[in-house]
Amino acid sequence: SVVSPTHPTIVLVHGLDSSKQTWECVLAELQGSGYPALALDLRGHGESPLGVEDDFGPSALAADVKTALTALGITDKVVLVGHSMGGRVA
């Protein structure tokens, strides 16, 4: 599950030239320990389309993450964990 009444959701954001697959092992460990967690593909990476090329920067990517969380019904505080470019987005 990506929502818990006792723990904030942990959102894993990958780096440049990567995808949500980067976080497979970490995601499994977190979920196996009872923490709600998910990894997202940023636009233009993994399974996500590029979208508008002129609007591809950290602010746009951060807005995408927020939109995805809202669409998933995650409205409480989250813990954002980013690797490389994902840290800038987070």
PDB file of N, CA and C in Angstrom:
ATOM      1  N   SER A   1       0.841  -1.192   0.000  1.00  0.00           N
ATOM      2  CA  SER A   1       0.000   0.000   0.000  1.00  0.00           C
ATOM      3  C   SER A   1       0.884   1.253   0.000  1.00  0.00           C
ATOM      4  N   VAL A   2       0.375   2.327  -0.554  1.00  0.00           N
ATOM      5  CA  VAL A   2       1.149   3.557  -0.592  1.00  0.00           C
ATOM      6  C   VAL A   2       0.665   4.563   0.448  1.00  0.00           C
ATOM      7  N   VAL A   3      -0.286   4.149   1.288  1.00  0.00           N
ATOM      8  CA  VAL A   3      -0.788   5.031   2.341  1.00  0.00           C
ATOM      9  C   VAL A   3      -0.868   4.233   3.636  1.00  0.00           C
ATOM     10  N   SER A   4      -0.504   4.870   4.741  1.00  0.00           N
ATOM     11  CA  SER A   4      -0.549   4.224   6.049  1.00  0.00           C
ATOM     12  C   SER A   4      -1.052   5.224   7.081  1.00  0.00           C
ATOM     13  N   PRO A   5      -1.828   4.764   8.048  1.00  0.00           N
ATOM     14  CA  PRO A   5      -2.279   5.692   9.090  1.00  0.00           C
ATOM     15  C   PRO A   5      -1.169   6.054  10.080  1.00  0.00           C
ATOM     16  N   THR A   6      -0.061   5.291  10.085  1.00  0.00           N
ATOM     17  CA  THR A   6       0.989   5.521  11.072  1.00  0.00           C
ATOM     18  C   THR A   6       2.310   6.032  10.509  1.00  0.00           C
ATOM     19  N   HIS A   7       2.524   5.891   9.200  1.00  0.00           N
ATOM     20  CA  HIS A   7       3.790   6.309   8.589  1.00  0.00           C
ATOM     21  C   HIS A   7       3.522   7.187   7.368  1.00  0.00           C
ATOM     22  N   PRO A   8       4.356   8.191   7.162  1.00  0.00           N
ATOM     23  CA  PRO A   8       4.211   8.959   5.918  1.00  0.00           C
ATOM     24  C   PRO A   8       4.641   8.098   4.726  1.00  0.00           C
ATOM     25  N   THR A   9       4.087   8.393   3.580  1.00  0.00           N
ATOM     26  CA  THR A   9       4.478   7.689   2.365  1.00  0.00           C
ATOM     27  C   THR A   9       5.875   8.138   1.943  1.00  0.00           C
ATOM     28  N   ILE A  10       6.716   7.192   1.593  1.00  0.00           N
ATOM     29  CA  ILE A  10       8.065   7.486   1.123  1.00  0.00           C
ATOM     30  C   ILE A  10       8.030   7.473  -0.401  1.00  0.00           C
ATOM     31  N   VAL A  11       8.431   8.587  -1.002  1.00  0.00           N
ATOM     32  CA  VAL A  11       8.407   8.742  -2.451  1.00  0.00           C
ATOM     33  C   VAL A  11       9.845   8.771  -2.954  1.00  0.00           C
ATOM     34  N   LEU A  12      10.185   7.824  -3.814  1.00  0.00           N
ATOM     35  CA  LEU A  12      11.543   7.672  -4.329  1.00  0.00           C
ATOM     36  C   LEU A  12      11.618   8.268  -5.733  1.00  0.00           C
ATOM     37  N   VAL A  13      12.545   9.215  -5.919  1.00  0.00           N
ATOM     38  CA  VAL A  13      12.679   9.914  -7.195  1.00  0.00           C
ATOM     39  C   VAL A  13      14.064   9.604  -7.778  1.00  0.00           C
ATOM     40  N   HIS A  14      14.074   9.021  -8.963  1.00  0.00           N
ATOM     41  CA  HIS A  14      15.313   8.579  -9.600  1.00  0.00           C
ATOM     42  C   HIS A  14      16.119   9.743 -10.184  1.00  0.00           C
ATOM     43  N   GLY A  15      17.328   9.438 -10.594  1.00  0.00           N
ATOM     44  CA  GLY A  15      18.211  10.428 -11.198  1.00  0.00           C
ATOM     45  C   GLY A  15      18.116  10.464 -12.711  1.00  0.00           C
ATOM     46  N   LEU A  16      18.956  11.293 -13.304  1.00  0.00           N
ATOM     47  CA  LEU A  16      19.001  11.469 -14.752  1.00  0.00           C
ATOM     48  C   LEU A  16      19.381  10.155 -15.435  1.00  0.00           C
ATOM     49  N   ASP A  17      18.797   9.923 -16.594  1.00  0.00           N
ATOM     50  CA  ASP A  17      19.052   8.709 -17.381  1.00  0.00           C
ATOM     51  C   ASP A  17      18.778   7.443 -16.591  1.00  0.00           C
ATOM     52  N   SER A  18      17.740   7.469 -15.783  1.00  0.00           N
ATOM     53  CA  SER A  18      17.383   6.342 -14.950  1.00  0.00           C
ATOM     54  C   SER A  18      15.869   6.175 -14.981  1.00  0.00           C
ATOM     55  N   SER A  19      15.337   5.345 -14.105  1.00  0.00           N
ATOM     56  CA  SER A  19      13.896   5.142 -14.014  1.00  0.00           C
ATOM     57  C   SER A  19      13.546   4.659 -12.615  1.00  0.00           C
ATOM     58  N   LYS A  20      12.264   4.430 -12.398  1.00  0.00           N
ATOM     59  CA  LYS A  20      11.824   3.944 -11.089  1.00  0.00           C
ATOM     60  C   LYS A  20      12.451   2.589 -10.752  1.00  0.00           C
ATOM     61  N   GLN A  21      12.917   1.864 -11.770  1.00  0.00           N
ATOM     62  CA  GLN A  21      13.547   0.562 -11.542  1.00  0.00           C
ATOM     63  C   GLN A  21      14.797   0.676 -10.673  1.00  0.00           C
ATOM     64  N   THR A  22      15.415   1.868 -10.650  1.00  0.00           N
ATOM     65  CA  THR A  22      16.584   2.124  -9.813  1.00  0.00           C
ATOM     66  C   THR A  22      16.296   1.764  -8.357  1.00  0.00           C
ATOM     67  N   TRP A  23      15.045   1.943  -7.964  1.00  0.00           N
ATOM     68  CA  TRP A  23      14.666   1.812  -6.565  1.00  0.00           C
ATOM     69  C   TRP A  23      14.061   0.451  -6.211  1.00  0.00           C
ATOM     70  N   GLU A  24      14.088  -0.524  -7.117  1.00  0.00           N
ATOM     71  CA  GLU A  24      13.428  -1.812  -6.871  1.00  0.00           C
ATOM     72  C   GLU A  24      13.785  -2.435  -5.528  1.00  0.00           C
ATOM     73  N   CYS A  25      15.063  -2.556  -5.241  1.00  0.00           N
ATOM     74  CA  CYS A  25      15.493  -3.208  -3.990  1.00  0.00           C
ATOM     75  C   CYS A  25      15.099  -2.388  -2.767  1.00  0.00           C
ATOM     76  N   VAL A  26      15.293  -1.087  -2.850  1.00  0.00           N
ATOM     77  CA  VAL A  26      14.945  -0.205  -1.732  1.00  0.00           C
ATOM     78  C   VAL A  26      13.443  -0.250  -1.488  1.00  0.00           C
ATOM     79  N   LEU A  27      12.680  -0.200  -2.564  1.00  0.00           N
ATOM     80  CA  LEU A  27      11.221  -0.236  -2.463  1.00  0.00           C
ATOM     81  C   LEU A  27      10.752  -1.534  -1.801  1.00  0.00           C
ATOM     82  N   ALA A  28      11.323  -2.636  -2.205  1.00  0.00           N
ATOM     83  CA  ALA A  28      10.956  -3.932  -1.619  1.00  0.00           C
ATOM     84  C   ALA A  28      11.272  -3.972  -0.129  1.00  0.00           C
ATOM     85  N   GLU A  29      12.429  -3.448   0.260  1.00  0.00           N
ATOM     86  CA  GLU A  29      12.815  -3.419   1.684  1.00  0.00           C
ATOM     87  C   GLU A  29      11.849  -2.550   2.498  1.00  0.00           C
ATOM     88  N   LEU A  30      11.541  -1.372   1.969  1.00  0.00           N
ATOM     89  CA  LEU A  30      10.631  -0.467   2.686  1.00  0.00           C
ATOM     90  C   LEU A  30       9.252  -1.092   2.848  1.00  0.00           C
ATOM     91  N   GLN A  31       8.705  -1.585   1.747  1.00  0.00           N
ATOM     92  CA  GLN A  31       7.376  -2.182   1.802  1.00  0.00           C
ATOM     93  C   GLN A  31       7.365  -3.434   2.675  1.00  0.00           C
ATOM     94  N   GLY A  32       8.432  -4.205   2.616  1.00  0.00           N
ATOM     95  CA  GLY A  32       8.538  -5.400   3.453  1.00  0.00           C
ATOM     96  C   GLY A  32       8.621  -5.081   4.936  1.00  0.00           C
ATOM     97  N   SER A  33       9.059  -3.867   5.245  1.00  0.00           N
ATOM     98  CA  SER A  33       9.155  -3.418   6.642  1.00  0.00           C
ATOM     99  C   SER A  33       7.911  -2.653   7.085  1.00  0.00           C
ATOM    100  N   GLY A  34       6.909  -2.593   6.220  1.00  0.00           N
ATOM    101  CA  GLY A  34       5.653  -1.961   6.597  1.00  0.00           C
ATOM    102  C   GLY A  34       5.548  -0.478   6.281  1.00  0.00           C
ATOM    103  N   TYR A  35       6.510   0.053   5.553  1.00  0.00           N
ATOM    104  CA  TYR A  35       6.461   1.466   5.190  1.00  0.00           C
ATOM    105  C   TYR A  35       5.765   1.638   3.843  1.00  0.00           C
ATOM    106  N   PRO A  36       4.825   2.554   3.763  1.00  0.00           N
ATOM    107  CA  PRO A  36       4.206   2.821   2.470  1.00  0.00           C
ATOM    108  C   PRO A  36       5.215   3.551   1.589  1.00  0.00           C
ATOM    109  N   ALA A  37       5.469   3.034   0.404  1.00  0.00           N
ATOM    110  CA  ALA A  37       6.494   3.625  -0.452  1.00  0.00           C
ATOM    111  C   ALA A  37       6.153   3.404  -1.914  1.00  0.00           C
ATOM    112  N   LEU A  38       6.624   4.318  -2.743  1.00  0.00           N
ATOM    113  CA  LEU A  38       6.462   4.167  -4.178  1.00  0.00           C
ATOM    114  C   LEU A  38       7.583   4.881  -4.893  1.00  0.00           C
ATOM    115  N   ALA A  39       7.826   4.445  -6.117  1.00  0.00           N
ATOM    116  CA  ALA A  39       8.804   5.082  -6.987  1.00  0.00           C
ATOM    117  C   ALA A  39       8.078   5.476  -8.265  1.00  0.00           C
ATOM    118  N   LEU A  40       8.383   6.657  -8.764  1.00  0.00           N
ATOM    119  CA  LEU A  40       7.729   7.179  -9.962  1.00  0.00           C
ATOM    120  C   LEU A  40       8.751   7.367 -11.075  1.00  0.00           C
ATOM    121  N   ASP A  41       8.303   7.210 -12.314  1.00  0.00           N
ATOM    122  CA  ASP A  41       9.130   7.582 -13.458  1.00  0.00           C
ATOM    123  C   ASP A  41       8.904   9.059 -13.744  1.00  0.00           C
ATOM    124  N   LEU A  42       9.973   9.838 -13.746  1.00  0.00           N
ATOM    125  CA  LEU A  42       9.855  11.238 -14.137  1.00  0.00           C
ATOM    126  C   LEU A  42       9.595  11.311 -15.637  1.00  0.00           C
ATOM    127  N   ARG A  43       9.036  12.423 -16.079  1.00  0.00           N
ATOM    128  CA  ARG A  43       8.719  12.551 -17.513  1.00  0.00           C
ATOM    129  C   ARG A  43       9.968  12.343 -18.365  1.00  0.00           C
ATOM    130  N   GLY A  44       9.750  11.610 -19.448  1.00  0.00           N
ATOM    131  CA  GLY A  44      10.850  11.319 -20.358  1.00  0.00           C
ATOM    132  C   GLY A  44      11.747  10.178 -19.908  1.00  0.00           C
ATOM    133  N   HIS A  45      11.368   9.494 -18.844  1.00  0.00           N
ATOM    134  CA  HIS A  45      12.157   8.386 -18.299  1.00  0.00           C
ATOM    135  C   HIS A  45      11.258   7.178 -18.090  1.00  0.00           C
ATOM    136  N   GLY A  46      11.826   5.997 -18.226  1.00  0.00           N
ATOM    137  CA  GLY A  46      11.061   4.771 -17.974  1.00  0.00           C
ATOM    138  C   GLY A  46       9.799   4.709 -18.809  1.00  0.00           C
ATOM    139  N   GLU A  47       8.664   4.580 -18.140  1.00  0.00           N
ATOM    140  CA  GLU A  47       7.376   4.432 -18.811  1.00  0.00           C
ATOM    141  C   GLU A  47       6.658   5.762 -19.026  1.00  0.00           C
ATOM    142  N   SER A  48       7.264   6.874 -18.666  1.00  0.00           N
ATOM    143  CA  SER A  48       6.608   8.178 -18.779  1.00  0.00           C
ATOM    144  C   SER A  48       6.978   8.871 -20.092  1.00  0.00           C
ATOM    145  N   PRO A  49       5.986   9.476 -20.748  1.00  0.00           N
ATOM    146  CA  PRO A  49       6.284  10.220 -21.981  1.00  0.00           C
ATOM    147  C   PRO A  49       7.052  11.493 -21.666  1.00  0.00           C
ATOM    148  N   LEU A  50       7.721  12.032 -22.657  1.00  0.00           N
ATOM    149  CA  LEU A  50       8.522  13.245 -22.479  1.00  0.00           C
ATOM    150  C   LEU A  50       7.661  14.469 -22.209  1.00  0.00           C
ATOM    151  N   GLY A  51       6.533  14.585 -22.886  1.00  0.00           N
ATOM    152  CA  GLY A  51       5.711  15.779 -22.736  1.00  0.00           C
ATOM    153  C   GLY A  51       6.306  16.924 -23.530  1.00  0.00           C
ATOM    154  N   VAL A  52       6.042  18.131 -23.104  1.00  0.00           N
ATOM    155  CA  VAL A  52       6.519  19.328 -23.791  1.00  0.00           C
ATOM    156  C   VAL A  52       7.999  19.529 -23.484  1.00  0.00           C
ATOM    157  N   GLU A  53       8.844  19.464 -24.512  1.00  0.00           N
ATOM    158  CA  GLU A  53      10.294  19.552 -24.306  1.00  0.00           C
ATOM    159  C   GLU A  53      10.730  20.880 -23.694  1.00  0.00           C
ATOM    160  N   ASP A  54      10.032  21.965 -24.029  1.00  0.00           N
ATOM    161  CA  ASP A  54      10.410  23.280 -23.510  1.00  0.00           C
ATOM    162  C   ASP A  54      10.101  23.438 -22.029  1.00  0.00           C
ATOM    163  N   ASP A  55       9.312  22.506 -21.484  1.00  0.00           N
ATOM    164  CA  ASP A  55       8.904  22.588 -20.085  1.00  0.00           C
ATOM    165  C   ASP A  55       9.507  21.417 -19.309  1.00  0.00           C
ATOM    166  N   PHE A  56      10.807  21.197 -19.496  1.00  0.00           N
ATOM    167  CA  PHE A  56      11.480  20.070 -18.867  1.00  0.00           C
ATOM    168  C   PHE A  56      12.566  20.597 -17.939  1.00  0.00           C
ATOM    169  N   GLY A  57      12.223  20.840 -16.697  1.00  0.00           N
ATOM    170  CA  GLY A  57      13.169  21.324 -15.707  1.00  0.00           C
ATOM    171  C   GLY A  57      12.744  20.852 -14.336  1.00  0.00           C
ATOM    172  N   PRO A  58      13.548  21.122 -13.317  1.00  0.00           N
ATOM    173  CA  PRO A  58      13.236  20.644 -11.973  1.00  0.00           C
ATOM    174  C   PRO A  58      11.859  21.073 -11.462  1.00  0.00           C
ATOM    175  N   SER A  59      11.453  22.306 -11.746  1.00  0.00           N
ATOM    176  CA  SER A  59      10.138  22.770 -11.268  1.00  0.00           C
ATOM    177  C   SER A  59       9.006  21.997 -11.917  1.00  0.00           C
ATOM    178  N   ALA A  60       9.121  21.761 -13.223  1.00  0.00           N
ATOM    179  CA  ALA A  60       8.089  21.002 -13.934  1.00  0.00           C
ATOM    180  C   ALA A  60       8.050  19.561 -13.449  1.00  0.00           C
ATOM    181  N   LEU A  61       9.220  18.970 -13.230  1.00  0.00           N
ATOM    182  CA  LEU A  61       9.277  17.587 -12.743  1.00  0.00           C
ATOM    183  C   LEU A  61       8.706  17.480 -11.334  1.00  0.00           C
ATOM    184  N   ALA A  62       8.977  18.469 -10.493  1.00  0.00           N
ATOM    185  CA  ALA A  62       8.422  18.477  -9.131  1.00  0.00           C
ATOM    186  C   ALA A  62       6.898  18.588  -9.180  1.00  0.00           C
ATOM    187  N   ALA A  63       6.399  19.419 -10.083  1.00  0.00           N
ATOM    188  CA  ALA A  63       4.946  19.555 -10.243  1.00  0.00           C
ATOM    189  C   ALA A  63       4.341  18.232 -10.705  1.00  0.00           C
ATOM    190  N   ASP A  64       5.051  17.515 -11.579  1.00  0.00           N
ATOM    191  CA  ASP A  64       4.579  16.202 -12.025  1.00  0.00           C
ATOM    192  C   ASP A  64       4.464  15.234 -10.855  1.00  0.00           C
ATOM    193  N   VAL A  65       5.458  15.244  -9.979  1.00  0.00           N
ATOM    194  CA  VAL A  65       5.431  14.359  -8.805  1.00  0.00           C
ATOM    195  C   VAL A  65       4.228  14.705  -7.937  1.00  0.00           C
ATOM    196  N   LYS A  66       4.010  15.979  -7.697  1.00  0.00           N
ATOM    197  CA  LYS A  66       2.876  16.410  -6.871  1.00  0.00           C
ATOM    198  C   LYS A  66       1.552  15.990  -7.507  1.00  0.00           C
ATOM    199  N   THR A  67       1.439  16.153  -8.815  1.00  0.00           N
ATOM    200  CA  THR A  67       0.224  15.747  -9.529  1.00  0.00           C
ATOM    201  C   THR A  67      -0.002  14.244  -9.412  1.00  0.00           C
ATOM    202  N   ALA A  68       1.053  13.469  -9.553  1.00  0.00           N
ATOM    203  CA  ALA A  68       0.935  12.010  -9.445  1.00  0.00           C
ATOM    204  C   ALA A  68       0.492  11.604  -8.043  1.00  0.00           C
ATOM    205  N   LEU A  69       1.051  12.238  -7.031  1.00  0.00           N
ATOM    206  CA  LEU A  69       0.671  11.909  -5.652  1.00  0.00           C
ATOM    207  C   LEU A  69      -0.795  12.237  -5.402  1.00  0.00           C
ATOM    208  N   THR A  70      -1.227  13.368  -5.890  1.00  0.00           N
ATOM    209  CA  THR A  70      -2.633  13.755  -5.739  1.00  0.00           C
ATOM    210  C   THR A  70      -3.535  12.746  -6.445  1.00  0.00           C
ATOM    211  N   ALA A  71      -3.143  12.331  -7.657  1.00  0.00           N
ATOM    212  CA  ALA A  71      -3.936  11.353  -8.414  1.00  0.00           C
ATOM    213  C   ALA A  71      -4.026  10.013  -7.680  1.00  0.00           C
ATOM    214  N   LEU A  72      -2.995   9.687  -6.910  1.00  0.00           N
ATOM    215  CA  LEU A  72      -2.980   8.442  -6.141  1.00  0.00           C
ATOM    216  C   LEU A  72      -3.695   8.583  -4.791  1.00  0.00           C
ATOM    217  N   GLY A  73      -4.190   9.777  -4.501  1.00  0.00           N
ATOM    218  CA  GLY A  73      -4.894  10.004  -3.237  1.00  0.00           C
ATOM    219  C   GLY A  73      -3.979  10.243  -2.055  1.00  0.00           C
ATOM    220  N   ILE A  74      -2.731  10.569  -2.325  1.00  0.00           N
ATOM    221  CA  ILE A  74      -1.761  10.831  -1.251  1.00  0.00           C
ATOM    222  C   ILE A  74      -1.765  12.335  -0.999  1.00  0.00           C
ATOM    223  N   THR A  75      -2.409  12.733   0.081  1.00  0.00           N
ATOM    224  CA  THR A  75      -2.563  14.155   0.371  1.00  0.00           C
ATOM    225  C   THR A  75      -1.872  14.582   1.654  1.00  0.00           C
ATOM    226  N   ASP A  76      -1.419  13.624   2.448  1.00  0.00           N
ATOM    227  CA  ASP A  76      -0.699  13.953   3.685  1.00  0.00           C
ATOM    228  C   ASP A  76       0.770  14.190   3.377  1.00  0.00           C
ATOM    229  N   LYS A  77       1.528  14.530   4.406  1.00  0.00           N
ATOM    230  CA  LYS A  77       2.961  14.734   4.232  1.00  0.00           C
ATOM    231  C   LYS A  77       3.622  13.451   3.744  1.00  0.00           C
ATOM    232  N   VAL A  78       4.679  13.628   2.962  1.00  0.00           N
ATOM    233  CA  VAL A  78       5.448  12.498   2.452  1.00  0.00           C
ATOM    234  C   VAL A  78       6.919  12.721   2.772  1.00  0.00           C
ATOM    235  N   VAL A  79       7.695  11.669   2.630  1.00  0.00           N
ATOM    236  CA  VAL A  79       9.149  11.757   2.717  1.00  0.00           C
ATOM    237  C   VAL A  79       9.660  11.585   1.295  1.00  0.00           C
ATOM    238  N   LEU A  80      10.297  12.622   0.762  1.00  0.00           N
ATOM    239  CA  LEU A  80      10.845  12.568  -0.589  1.00  0.00           C
ATOM    240  C   LEU A  80      12.313  12.180  -0.524  1.00  0.00           C
ATOM    241  N   VAL A  81      12.683  11.170  -1.299  1.00  0.00           N
ATOM    242  CA  VAL A  81      14.058  10.708  -1.374  1.00  0.00           C
ATOM    243  C   VAL A  81      14.476  10.772  -2.827  1.00  0.00           C
ATOM    244  N   GLY A  82      15.500  11.559  -3.120  1.00  0.00           N
ATOM    245  CA  GLY A  82      15.920  11.691  -4.493  1.00  0.00           C
ATOM    246  C   GLY A  82      17.384  11.316  -4.685  1.00  0.00           C
ATOM    247  N   HIS A  83      17.671  10.709  -5.819  1.00  0.00           N
ATOM    248  CA  HIS A  83      19.045  10.381  -6.191  1.00  0.00           C
ATOM    249  C   HIS A  83      19.471  11.306  -7.322  1.00  0.00           C
ATOM    250  N   SER A  84      20.604  11.970  -7.170  1.00  0.00           N
ATOM    251  CA  SER A  84      21.153  12.833  -8.198  1.00  0.00           C
ATOM    252  C   SER A  84      20.124  13.885  -8.616  1.00  0.00           C
ATOM    253  N   MET A  85      19.725  13.900  -9.886  1.00  0.00           N
ATOM    254  CA  MET A  85      18.735  14.862 -10.350  1.00  0.00           C
ATOM    255  C   MET A  85      17.431  14.732  -9.556  1.00  0.00           C
ATOM    256  N   GLY A  86      17.125  13.535  -9.116  1.00  0.00           N
ATOM    257  CA  GLY A  86      15.921  13.327  -8.306  1.00  0.00           C
ATOM    258  C   GLY A  86      15.973  14.089  -6.995  1.00  0.00           C
ATOM    259  N   GLY A  87      17.184  14.310  -6.469  1.00  0.00           N
ATOM    260  CA  GLY A  87      17.334  15.111  -5.263  1.00  0.00           C
ATOM    261  C   GLY A  87      16.977  16.556  -5.520  1.00  0.00           C
ATOM    262  N   ARG A  88      17.319  17.042  -6.674  1.00  0.00           N
ATOM    263  CA  ARG A  88      16.967  18.415  -7.035  1.00  0.00           C
ATOM    264  C   ARG A  88      15.457  18.559  -7.216  1.00  0.00           C
ATOM    265  N   VAL A  89      14.845  17.550  -7.799  1.00  0.00           N
ATOM    266  CA  VAL A  89      13.388  17.553  -7.982  1.00  0.00           C
ATOM    267  C   VAL A  89      12.695  17.485  -6.637  1.00  0.00           C
ATOM    268  N   ALA A  90      13.203  16.623  -5.743  1.00  0.00           N
ATOM    269  CA  ALA A  90      12.605  16.478  -4.424  1.00  0.00           C
ATOM    270  C   ALA A  90      12.738  17.758  -3.628  1.00  0.00           C
TER     271      ALA A  90
END
